[in-house]
Amino acid sequence: MDGWSALTFIGRFRRTMDCSQNAYNEDTSVLLERLDSLEKALFSSGQSGLNGFQSWEKGQASQLTASTLVLNYRKRKITEVQS
């Protein structure tokens, strides 16, 4: 990817994510019609994250669980301590 292509990609990526994070409970149809399929998927992912965050902020989210990476780290640390 040459310099201009990278800059264009970064700019579009930032704008798409900014729009997805700042469009809570708004009509996004005008914005979405200008995006290609990859940008629409990115926008949808950003909106999903925003909705999850809003639910968490309101106390409506389900209980958080530790990731498998954290659980495996704890198991490894316990094994090292016992040795």
PDB file of N, CA and C in Angstrom:
ATOM      1  N   MET A   1       0.860  -1.170   0.000  1.00  0.00           N
ATOM      2  CA  MET A   1       0.000   0.000   0.000  1.00  0.00           C
ATOM      3  C   MET A   1       0.905   1.231   0.000  1.00  0.00           C
ATOM      4  N   ASP A   2       0.710   2.105  -0.980  1.00  0.00           N
ATOM      5  CA  ASP A   2       1.539   3.310  -1.015  1.00  0.00           C
ATOM      6  C   ASP A   2       1.067   4.322   0.029  1.00  0.00           C
ATOM      7  N   GLY A   3       1.803   5.398   0.177  1.00  0.00           N
ATOM      8  CA  GLY A   3       1.514   6.386   1.215  1.00  0.00           C
ATOM      9  C   GLY A   3       0.132   6.998   1.121  1.00  0.00           C
ATOM     10  N   TRP A   4      -0.292   7.343  -0.097  1.00  0.00           N
ATOM     11  CA  TRP A   4      -1.607   7.981  -0.254  1.00  0.00           C
ATOM     12  C   TRP A   4      -2.739   7.009   0.036  1.00  0.00           C
ATOM     13  N   SER A   5      -2.566   5.767  -0.399  1.00  0.00           N
ATOM     14  CA  SER A   5      -3.601   4.761  -0.132  1.00  0.00           C
ATOM     15  C   SER A   5      -3.746   4.517   1.361  1.00  0.00           C
ATOM     16  N   ALA A   6      -2.615   4.458   2.051  1.00  0.00           N
ATOM     17  CA  ALA A   6      -2.653   4.240   3.497  1.00  0.00           C
ATOM     18  C   ALA A   6      -3.323   5.411   4.200  1.00  0.00           C
ATOM     19  N   LEU A   7      -2.984   6.620   3.803  1.00  0.00           N
ATOM     20  CA  LEU A   7      -3.595   7.805   4.415  1.00  0.00           C
ATOM     21  C   LEU A   7      -5.095   7.864   4.145  1.00  0.00           C
ATOM     22  N   THR A   8      -5.489   7.506   2.933  1.00  0.00           N
ATOM     23  CA  THR A   8      -6.913   7.490   2.587  1.00  0.00           C
ATOM     24  C   THR A   8      -7.650   6.458   3.432  1.00  0.00           C
ATOM     25  N   PHE A   9      -7.067   5.260   3.550  1.00  0.00           N
ATOM     26  CA  PHE A   9      -7.677   4.205   4.352  1.00  0.00           C
ATOM     27  C   PHE A   9      -7.817   4.642   5.806  1.00  0.00           C
ATOM     28  N   ILE A  10      -6.754   5.188   6.367  1.00  0.00           N
ATOM     29  CA  ILE A  10      -6.777   5.622   7.770  1.00  0.00           C
ATOM     30  C   ILE A  10      -7.833   6.694   7.982  1.00  0.00           C
ATOM     31  N   GLY A  11      -7.912   7.650   7.065  1.00  0.00           N
ATOM     32  CA  GLY A  11      -8.914   8.715   7.181  1.00  0.00           C
ATOM     33  C   GLY A  11     -10.331   8.181   7.132  1.00  0.00           C
ATOM     34  N   ARG A  12     -10.594   7.290   6.180  1.00  0.00           N
ATOM     35  CA  ARG A  12     -11.946   6.719   6.061  1.00  0.00           C
ATOM     36  C   ARG A  12     -12.277   5.841   7.261  1.00  0.00           C
ATOM     37  N   PHE A  13     -11.294   5.085   7.739  1.00  0.00           N
ATOM     38  CA  PHE A  13     -11.489   4.240   8.919  1.00  0.00           C
ATOM     39  C   PHE A  13     -11.869   5.102  10.122  1.00  0.00           C
ATOM     40  N   ARG A  14     -11.123   6.163  10.351  1.00  0.00           N
ATOM     41  CA  ARG A  14     -11.406   7.050  11.489  1.00  0.00           C
ATOM     42  C   ARG A  14     -12.784   7.690  11.383  1.00  0.00           C
ATOM     43  N   ARG A  15     -13.114   8.199  10.205  1.00  0.00           N
ATOM     44  CA  ARG A  15     -14.431   8.833  10.022  1.00  0.00           C
ATOM     45  C   ARG A  15     -15.559   7.838  10.245  1.00  0.00           C
ATOM     46  N   THR A  16     -15.394   6.629   9.727  1.00  0.00           N
ATOM     47  CA  THR A  16     -16.433   5.608   9.887  1.00  0.00           C
ATOM     48  C   THR A  16     -16.617   5.250  11.358  1.00  0.00           C
ATOM     49  N   MET A  17     -15.517   5.037  12.072  1.00  0.00           N
ATOM     50  CA  MET A  17     -15.621   4.692  13.493  1.00  0.00           C
ATOM     51  C   MET A  17     -16.155   5.866  14.311  1.00  0.00           C
ATOM     52  N   ASP A  18     -15.711   7.080  14.006  1.00  0.00           N
ATOM     53  CA  ASP A  18     -16.231   8.260  14.715  1.00  0.00           C
ATOM     54  C   ASP A  18     -17.734   8.384  14.525  1.00  0.00           C
ATOM     55  N   CYS A  19     -18.183   8.220  13.291  1.00  0.00           N
ATOM     56  CA  CYS A  19     -19.621   8.324  13.011  1.00  0.00           C
ATOM     57  C   CYS A  19     -20.400   7.228  13.732  1.00  0.00           C
ATOM     58  N   SER A  20     -19.858   6.019  13.754  1.00  0.00           N
ATOM     59  CA  SER A  20     -20.576   4.918  14.409  1.00  0.00           C
ATOM     60  C   SER A  20     -20.661   5.131  15.913  1.00  0.00           C
ATOM     61  N   GLN A  21     -19.651   5.739  16.498  1.00  0.00           N
ATOM     62  CA  GLN A  21     -19.632   5.959  17.942  1.00  0.00           C
ATOM     63  C   GLN A  21     -20.437   7.183  18.366  1.00  0.00           C
ATOM     64  N   ASN A  22     -20.692   8.084  17.441  1.00  0.00           N
ATOM     65  CA  ASN A  22     -21.398   9.323  17.778  1.00  0.00           C
ATOM     66  C   ASN A  22     -22.831   9.364  17.256  1.00  0.00           C
ATOM     67  N   ALA A  23     -23.313   8.254  16.739  1.00  0.00           N
ATOM     68  CA  ALA A  23     -24.660   8.215  16.168  1.00  0.00           C
ATOM     69  C   ALA A  23     -25.552   7.303  16.997  1.00  0.00           C
ATOM     70  N   TYR A  24     -25.714   7.616  18.268  1.00  0.00           N
ATOM     71  CA  TYR A  24     -26.530   6.786  19.151  1.00  0.00           C
ATOM     72  C   TYR A  24     -27.986   7.197  19.019  1.00  0.00           C
ATOM     73  N   ASN A  25     -28.852   6.240  18.677  1.00  0.00           N
ATOM     74  CA  ASN A  25     -30.289   6.480  18.486  1.00  0.00           C
ATOM     75  C   ASN A  25     -30.570   7.555  17.444  1.00  0.00           C
ATOM     76  N   GLU A  26     -29.807   7.562  16.370  1.00  0.00           N
ATOM     77  CA  GLU A  26     -30.020   8.511  15.280  1.00  0.00           C
ATOM     78  C   GLU A  26     -30.251   7.744  13.985  1.00  0.00           C
ATOM     79  N   ASP A  27     -30.872   8.414  13.020  1.00  0.00           N
ATOM     80  CA  ASP A  27     -31.073   7.825  11.702  1.00  0.00           C
ATOM     81  C   ASP A  27     -29.745   7.883  10.948  1.00  0.00           C
ATOM     82  N   THR A  28     -29.209   6.731  10.595  1.00  0.00           N
ATOM     83  CA  THR A  28     -27.911   6.673   9.928  1.00  0.00           C
ATOM     84  C   THR A  28     -28.027   6.274   8.461  1.00  0.00           C
ATOM     85  N   SER A  29     -29.228   6.231   7.911  1.00  0.00           N
ATOM     86  CA  SER A  29     -29.419   5.747   6.544  1.00  0.00           C
ATOM     87  C   SER A  29     -28.684   6.606   5.517  1.00  0.00           C
ATOM     88  N   VAL A  30     -28.675   7.918   5.696  1.00  0.00           N
ATOM     89  CA  VAL A  30     -27.987   8.803   4.746  1.00  0.00           C
ATOM     90  C   VAL A  30     -26.483   8.544   4.794  1.00  0.00           C
ATOM     91  N   LEU A  31     -25.970   8.357   5.978  1.00  0.00           N
ATOM     92  CA  LEU A  31     -24.543   8.082   6.137  1.00  0.00           C
ATOM     93  C   LEU A  31     -24.175   6.731   5.530  1.00  0.00           C
ATOM     94  N   LEU A  32     -24.986   5.711   5.790  1.00  0.00           N
ATOM     95  CA  LEU A  32     -24.676   4.355   5.337  1.00  0.00           C
ATOM     96  C   LEU A  32     -24.716   4.202   3.823  1.00  0.00           C
ATOM     97  N   GLU A  33     -25.535   4.971   3.144  1.00  0.00           N
ATOM     98  CA  GLU A  33     -25.631   4.799   1.691  1.00  0.00           C
ATOM     99  C   GLU A  33     -24.352   5.220   0.977  1.00  0.00           C
ATOM    100  N   ARG A  34     -23.498   5.997   1.619  1.00  0.00           N
ATOM    101  CA  ARG A  34     -22.234   6.428   1.010  1.00  0.00           C
ATOM    102  C   ARG A  34     -21.096   5.439   1.262  1.00  0.00           C
ATOM    103  N   LEU A  35     -21.300   4.468   2.143  1.00  0.00           N
ATOM    104  CA  LEU A  35     -20.227   3.554   2.526  1.00  0.00           C
ATOM    105  C   LEU A  35     -20.207   2.298   1.664  1.00  0.00           C
ATOM    106  N   ASP A  36     -19.003   1.736   1.475  1.00  0.00           N
ATOM    107  CA  ASP A  36     -18.922   0.449   0.779  1.00  0.00           C
ATOM    108  C   ASP A  36     -19.206  -0.677   1.782  1.00  0.00           C
ATOM    109  N   SER A  37     -19.178  -1.921   1.329  1.00  0.00           N
ATOM    110  CA  SER A  37     -19.584  -3.038   2.197  1.00  0.00           C
ATOM    111  C   SER A  37     -18.654  -3.214   3.401  1.00  0.00           C
ATOM    112  N   LEU A  38     -17.355  -3.026   3.221  1.00  0.00           N
ATOM    113  CA  LEU A  38     -16.420  -3.143   4.343  1.00  0.00           C
ATOM    114  C   LEU A  38     -16.678  -2.051   5.378  1.00  0.00           C
ATOM    115  N   GLU A  39     -16.907  -0.835   4.912  1.00  0.00           N
ATOM    116  CA  GLU A  39     -17.182   0.273   5.827  1.00  0.00           C
ATOM    117  C   GLU A  39     -18.515   0.084   6.542  1.00  0.00           C
ATOM    118  N   LYS A  40     -19.494  -0.481   5.853  1.00  0.00           N
ATOM    119  CA  LYS A  40     -20.778  -0.764   6.504  1.00  0.00           C
ATOM    120  C   LYS A  40     -20.606  -1.790   7.617  1.00  0.00           C
ATOM    121  N   ALA A  41     -19.788  -2.818   7.369  1.00  0.00           N
ATOM    122  CA  ALA A  41     -19.523  -3.827   8.402  1.00  0.00           C
ATOM    123  C   ALA A  41     -18.784  -3.199   9.577  1.00  0.00           C
ATOM    124  N   LEU A  42     -17.835  -2.324   9.294  1.00  0.00           N
ATOM    125  CA  LEU A  42     -17.096  -1.621  10.343  1.00  0.00           C
ATOM    126  C   LEU A  42     -18.027  -0.723  11.147  1.00  0.00           C
ATOM    127  N   PHE A  43     -18.907  -0.007  10.451  1.00  0.00           N
ATOM    128  CA  PHE A  43     -19.875   0.869  11.111  1.00  0.00           C
ATOM    129  C   PHE A  43     -20.794   0.047  12.015  1.00  0.00           C
ATOM    130  N   SER A  44     -21.260  -1.078  11.515  1.00  0.00           N
ATOM    131  CA  SER A  44     -22.143  -1.954  12.291  1.00  0.00           C
ATOM    132  C   SER A  44     -21.441  -2.468  13.545  1.00  0.00           C
ATOM    133  N   SER A  45     -20.179  -2.835  13.410  1.00  0.00           N
ATOM    134  CA  SER A  45     -19.404  -3.295  14.561  1.00  0.00           C
ATOM    135  C   SER A  45     -19.236  -2.178  15.586  1.00  0.00           C
ATOM    136  N   GLY A  46     -18.982  -0.966  15.121  1.00  0.00           N
ATOM    137  CA  GLY A  46     -18.862   0.180  16.023  1.00  0.00           C
ATOM    138  C   GLY A  46     -20.164   0.477  16.737  1.00  0.00           C
ATOM    139  N   GLN A  47     -21.276   0.390  16.017  1.00  0.00           N
ATOM    140  CA  GLN A  47     -22.593   0.618  16.615  1.00  0.00           C
ATOM    141  C   GLN A  47     -22.905  -0.448  17.659  1.00  0.00           C
ATOM    142  N   SER A  48     -22.538  -1.690  17.361  1.00  0.00           N
ATOM    143  CA  SER A  48     -22.763  -2.778  18.311  1.00  0.00           C
ATOM    144  C   SER A  48     -21.972  -2.538  19.597  1.00  0.00           C
ATOM    145  N   GLY A  49     -20.730  -2.115  19.447  1.00  0.00           N
ATOM    146  CA  GLY A  49     -19.918  -1.790  20.615  1.00  0.00           C
ATOM    147  C   GLY A  49     -20.494  -0.636  21.410  1.00  0.00           C
ATOM    148  N   LEU A  50     -20.980   0.380  20.708  1.00  0.00           N
ATOM    149  CA  LEU A  50     -21.587   1.539  21.369  1.00  0.00           C
ATOM    150  C   LEU A  50     -22.839   1.126  22.131  1.00  0.00           C
ATOM    151  N   ASN A  51     -23.681   0.313  21.512  1.00  0.00           N
ATOM    152  CA  ASN A  51     -24.903  -0.146  22.184  1.00  0.00           C
ATOM    153  C   ASN A  51     -24.576  -0.988  23.413  1.00  0.00           C
ATOM    154  N   GLY A  52     -23.561  -1.845  23.297  1.00  0.00           N
ATOM    155  CA  GLY A  52     -23.138  -2.635  24.448  1.00  0.00           C
ATOM    156  C   GLY A  52     -22.619  -1.755  25.575  1.00  0.00           C
ATOM    157  N   PHE A  53     -21.856  -0.737  25.213  1.00  0.00           N
ATOM    158  CA  PHE A  53     -21.332   0.186  26.221  1.00  0.00           C
ATOM    159  C   PHE A  53     -22.459   0.957  26.891  1.00  0.00           C
ATOM    160  N   GLN A  54     -23.427   1.411  26.099  1.00  0.00           N
ATOM    161  CA  GLN A  54     -24.559   2.150  26.658  1.00  0.00           C
ATOM    162  C   GLN A  54     -25.354   1.266  27.617  1.00  0.00           C
ATOM    163  N   SER A  55     -25.546   0.005  27.258  1.00  0.00           N
ATOM    164  CA  SER A  55     -26.250  -0.929  28.150  1.00  0.00           C
ATOM    165  C   SER A  55     -25.474  -1.129  29.439  1.00  0.00           C
ATOM    166  N   TRP A  56     -24.159  -1.271  29.314  1.00  0.00           N
ATOM    167  CA  TRP A  56     -23.323  -1.450  30.500  1.00  0.00           C
ATOM    168  C   TRP A  56     -23.400  -0.221  31.403  1.00  0.00           C
ATOM    169  N   GLU A  57     -23.350   0.964  30.787  1.00  0.00           N
ATOM    170  CA  GLU A  57     -23.402   2.202  31.561  1.00  0.00           C
ATOM    171  C   GLU A  57     -24.713   2.333  32.336  1.00  0.00           C
ATOM    172  N   LYS A  58     -25.784   1.845  31.745  1.00  0.00           N
ATOM    173  CA  LYS A  58     -27.099   1.919  32.389  1.00  0.00           C
ATOM    174  C   LYS A  58     -27.328   0.757  33.355  1.00  0.00           C
ATOM    175  N   GLY A  59     -26.360  -0.136  33.487  1.00  0.00           N
ATOM    176  CA  GLY A  59     -26.499  -1.281  34.386  1.00  0.00           C
ATOM    177  C   GLY A  59     -27.360  -2.383  33.811  1.00  0.00           C
ATOM    178  N   GLN A  60     -27.540  -2.394  32.497  1.00  0.00           N
ATOM    179  CA  GLN A  60     -28.398  -3.383  31.855  1.00  0.00           C
ATOM    180  C   GLN A  60     -27.611  -4.526  31.222  1.00  0.00           C
ATOM    181  N   ALA A  61     -26.309  -4.510  31.365  1.00  0.00           N
ATOM    182  CA  ALA A  61     -25.488  -5.538  30.726  1.00  0.00           C
ATOM    183  C   ALA A  61     -25.453  -6.796  31.578  1.00  0.00           C
ATOM    184  N   SER A  62     -25.199  -7.901  30.932  1.00  0.00           N
ATOM    185  CA  SER A  62     -25.067  -9.150  31.677  1.00  0.00           C
ATOM    186  C   SER A  62     -23.730  -9.151  32.412  1.00  0.00           C
ATOM    187  N   GLN A  63     -23.551 -10.131  33.262  1.00  0.00           N
ATOM    188  CA  GLN A  63     -22.340 -10.203  34.073  1.00  0.00           C
ATOM    189  C   GLN A  63     -21.117 -10.422  33.183  1.00  0.00           C
ATOM    190  N   LEU A  64     -20.051  -9.707  33.485  1.00  0.00           N
ATOM    191  CA  LEU A  64     -18.809  -9.856  32.739  1.00  0.00           C
ATOM    192  C   LEU A  64     -18.096 -11.127  33.178  1.00  0.00           C
ATOM    193  N   THR A  65     -17.423 -11.768  32.236  1.00  0.00           N
ATOM    194  CA  THR A  65     -16.646 -12.959  32.550  1.00  0.00           C
ATOM    195  C   THR A  65     -15.208 -12.740  32.097  1.00  0.00           C
ATOM    196  N   ALA A  66     -14.285 -13.421  32.737  1.00  0.00           N
ATOM    197  CA  ALA A  66     -12.874 -13.306  32.382  1.00  0.00           C
ATOM    198  C   ALA A  66     -12.619 -14.025  31.062  1.00  0.00           C
ATOM    199  N   SER A  67     -11.713 -13.493  30.280  1.00  0.00           N
ATOM    200  CA  SER A  67     -11.366 -14.129  29.010  1.00  0.00           C
ATOM    201  C   SER A  67     -10.542 -15.386  29.272  1.00  0.00           C
ATOM    202  N   THR A  68     -10.470 -16.255  28.288  1.00  0.00           N
ATOM    203  CA  THR A  68      -9.691 -17.484  28.437  1.00  0.00           C
ATOM    204  C   THR A  68      -8.214 -17.162  28.613  1.00  0.00           C
ATOM    205  N   LEU A  69      -7.744 -16.081  28.017  1.00  0.00           N
ATOM    206  CA  LEU A  69      -6.353 -15.677  28.177  1.00  0.00           C
ATOM    207  C   LEU A  69      -6.040 -15.386  29.641  1.00  0.00           C
ATOM    208  N   VAL A  70      -6.925 -14.660  30.309  1.00  0.00           N
ATOM    209  CA  VAL A  70      -6.739 -14.338  31.730  1.00  0.00           C
ATOM    210  C   VAL A  70      -6.817 -15.602  32.571  1.00  0.00           C
ATOM    211  N   LEU A  71      -7.788 -16.451  32.290  1.00  0.00           N
ATOM    212  CA  LEU A  71      -7.928 -17.692  33.061  1.00  0.00           C
ATOM    213  C   LEU A  71      -6.701 -18.584  32.918  1.00  0.00           C
ATOM    214  N   ASN A  72      -6.188 -18.710  31.697  1.00  0.00           N
ATOM    215  CA  ASN A  72      -4.996 -19.531  31.474  1.00  0.00           C
ATOM    216  C   ASN A  72      -3.779 -18.927  32.161  1.00  0.00           C
ATOM    217  N   TYR A  73      -3.674 -17.607  32.179  1.00  0.00           N
ATOM    218  CA  TYR A  73      -2.563 -16.938  32.854  1.00  0.00           C
ATOM    219  C   TYR A  73      -2.597 -17.236  34.350  1.00  0.00           C
ATOM    220  N   ARG A  74      -3.797 -17.167  34.925  1.00  0.00           N
ATOM    221  CA  ARG A  74      -3.936 -17.461  36.358  1.00  0.00           C
ATOM    222  C   ARG A  74      -3.539 -18.895  36.662  1.00  0.00           C
ATOM    223  N   LYS A  75      -3.969 -19.838  35.820  1.00  0.00           N
ATOM    224  CA  LYS A  75      -3.626 -21.249  36.022  1.00  0.00           C
ATOM    225  C   LYS A  75      -2.117 -21.445  35.957  1.00  0.00           C
ATOM    226  N   ARG A  76      -1.471 -20.799  34.969  1.00  0.00           N
ATOM    227  CA  ARG A  76      -0.029 -20.925  34.813  1.00  0.00           C
ATOM    228  C   ARG A  76       0.696 -20.335  36.018  1.00  0.00           C
ATOM    229  N   LYS A  77       0.221 -19.200  36.506  1.00  0.00           N
ATOM    230  CA  LYS A  77       0.849 -18.546  37.653  1.00  0.00           C
ATOM    231  C   LYS A  77       0.716 -19.411  38.910  1.00  0.00           C
ATOM    232  N   ILE A  78      -0.450 -20.010  39.114  1.00  0.00           N
ATOM    233  CA  ILE A  78      -0.663 -20.894  40.272  1.00  0.00           C
ATOM    234  C   ILE A  78       0.268 -22.096  40.183  1.00  0.00           C
ATOM    235  N   THR A  79       0.425 -22.670  38.998  1.00  0.00           N
ATOM    236  CA  THR A  79       1.309 -23.817  38.804  1.00  0.00           C
ATOM    237  C   THR A  79       2.753 -23.437  39.117  1.00  0.00           C
ATOM    238  N   GLU A  80       3.180 -22.242  38.693  1.00  0.00           N
ATOM    239  CA  GLU A  80       4.547 -21.789  38.955  1.00  0.00           C
ATOM    240  C   GLU A  80       4.781 -21.586  40.449  1.00  0.00           C
ATOM    241  N   VAL A  81       3.805 -21.065  41.159  1.00  0.00           N
ATOM    242  CA  VAL A  81       3.931 -20.820  42.593  1.00  0.00           C
ATOM    243  C   VAL A  81       4.011 -22.137  43.353  1.00  0.00           C
ATOM    244  N   GLN A  82       3.247 -23.137  42.920  1.00  0.00           N
ATOM    245  CA  GLN A  82       3.219 -24.429  43.604  1.00  0.00           C
ATOM    246  C   GLN A  82       4.492 -25.232  43.367  1.00  0.00           C
ATOM    247  N   SER A  83       5.228 -24.938  42.306  1.00  0.00           N
ATOM    248  CA  SER A  83       6.454 -25.697  41.981  1.00  0.00           C
ATOM    249  C   SER A  83       7.608 -25.316  42.865  1.00  0.00           C
TER     250      SER A  83
END
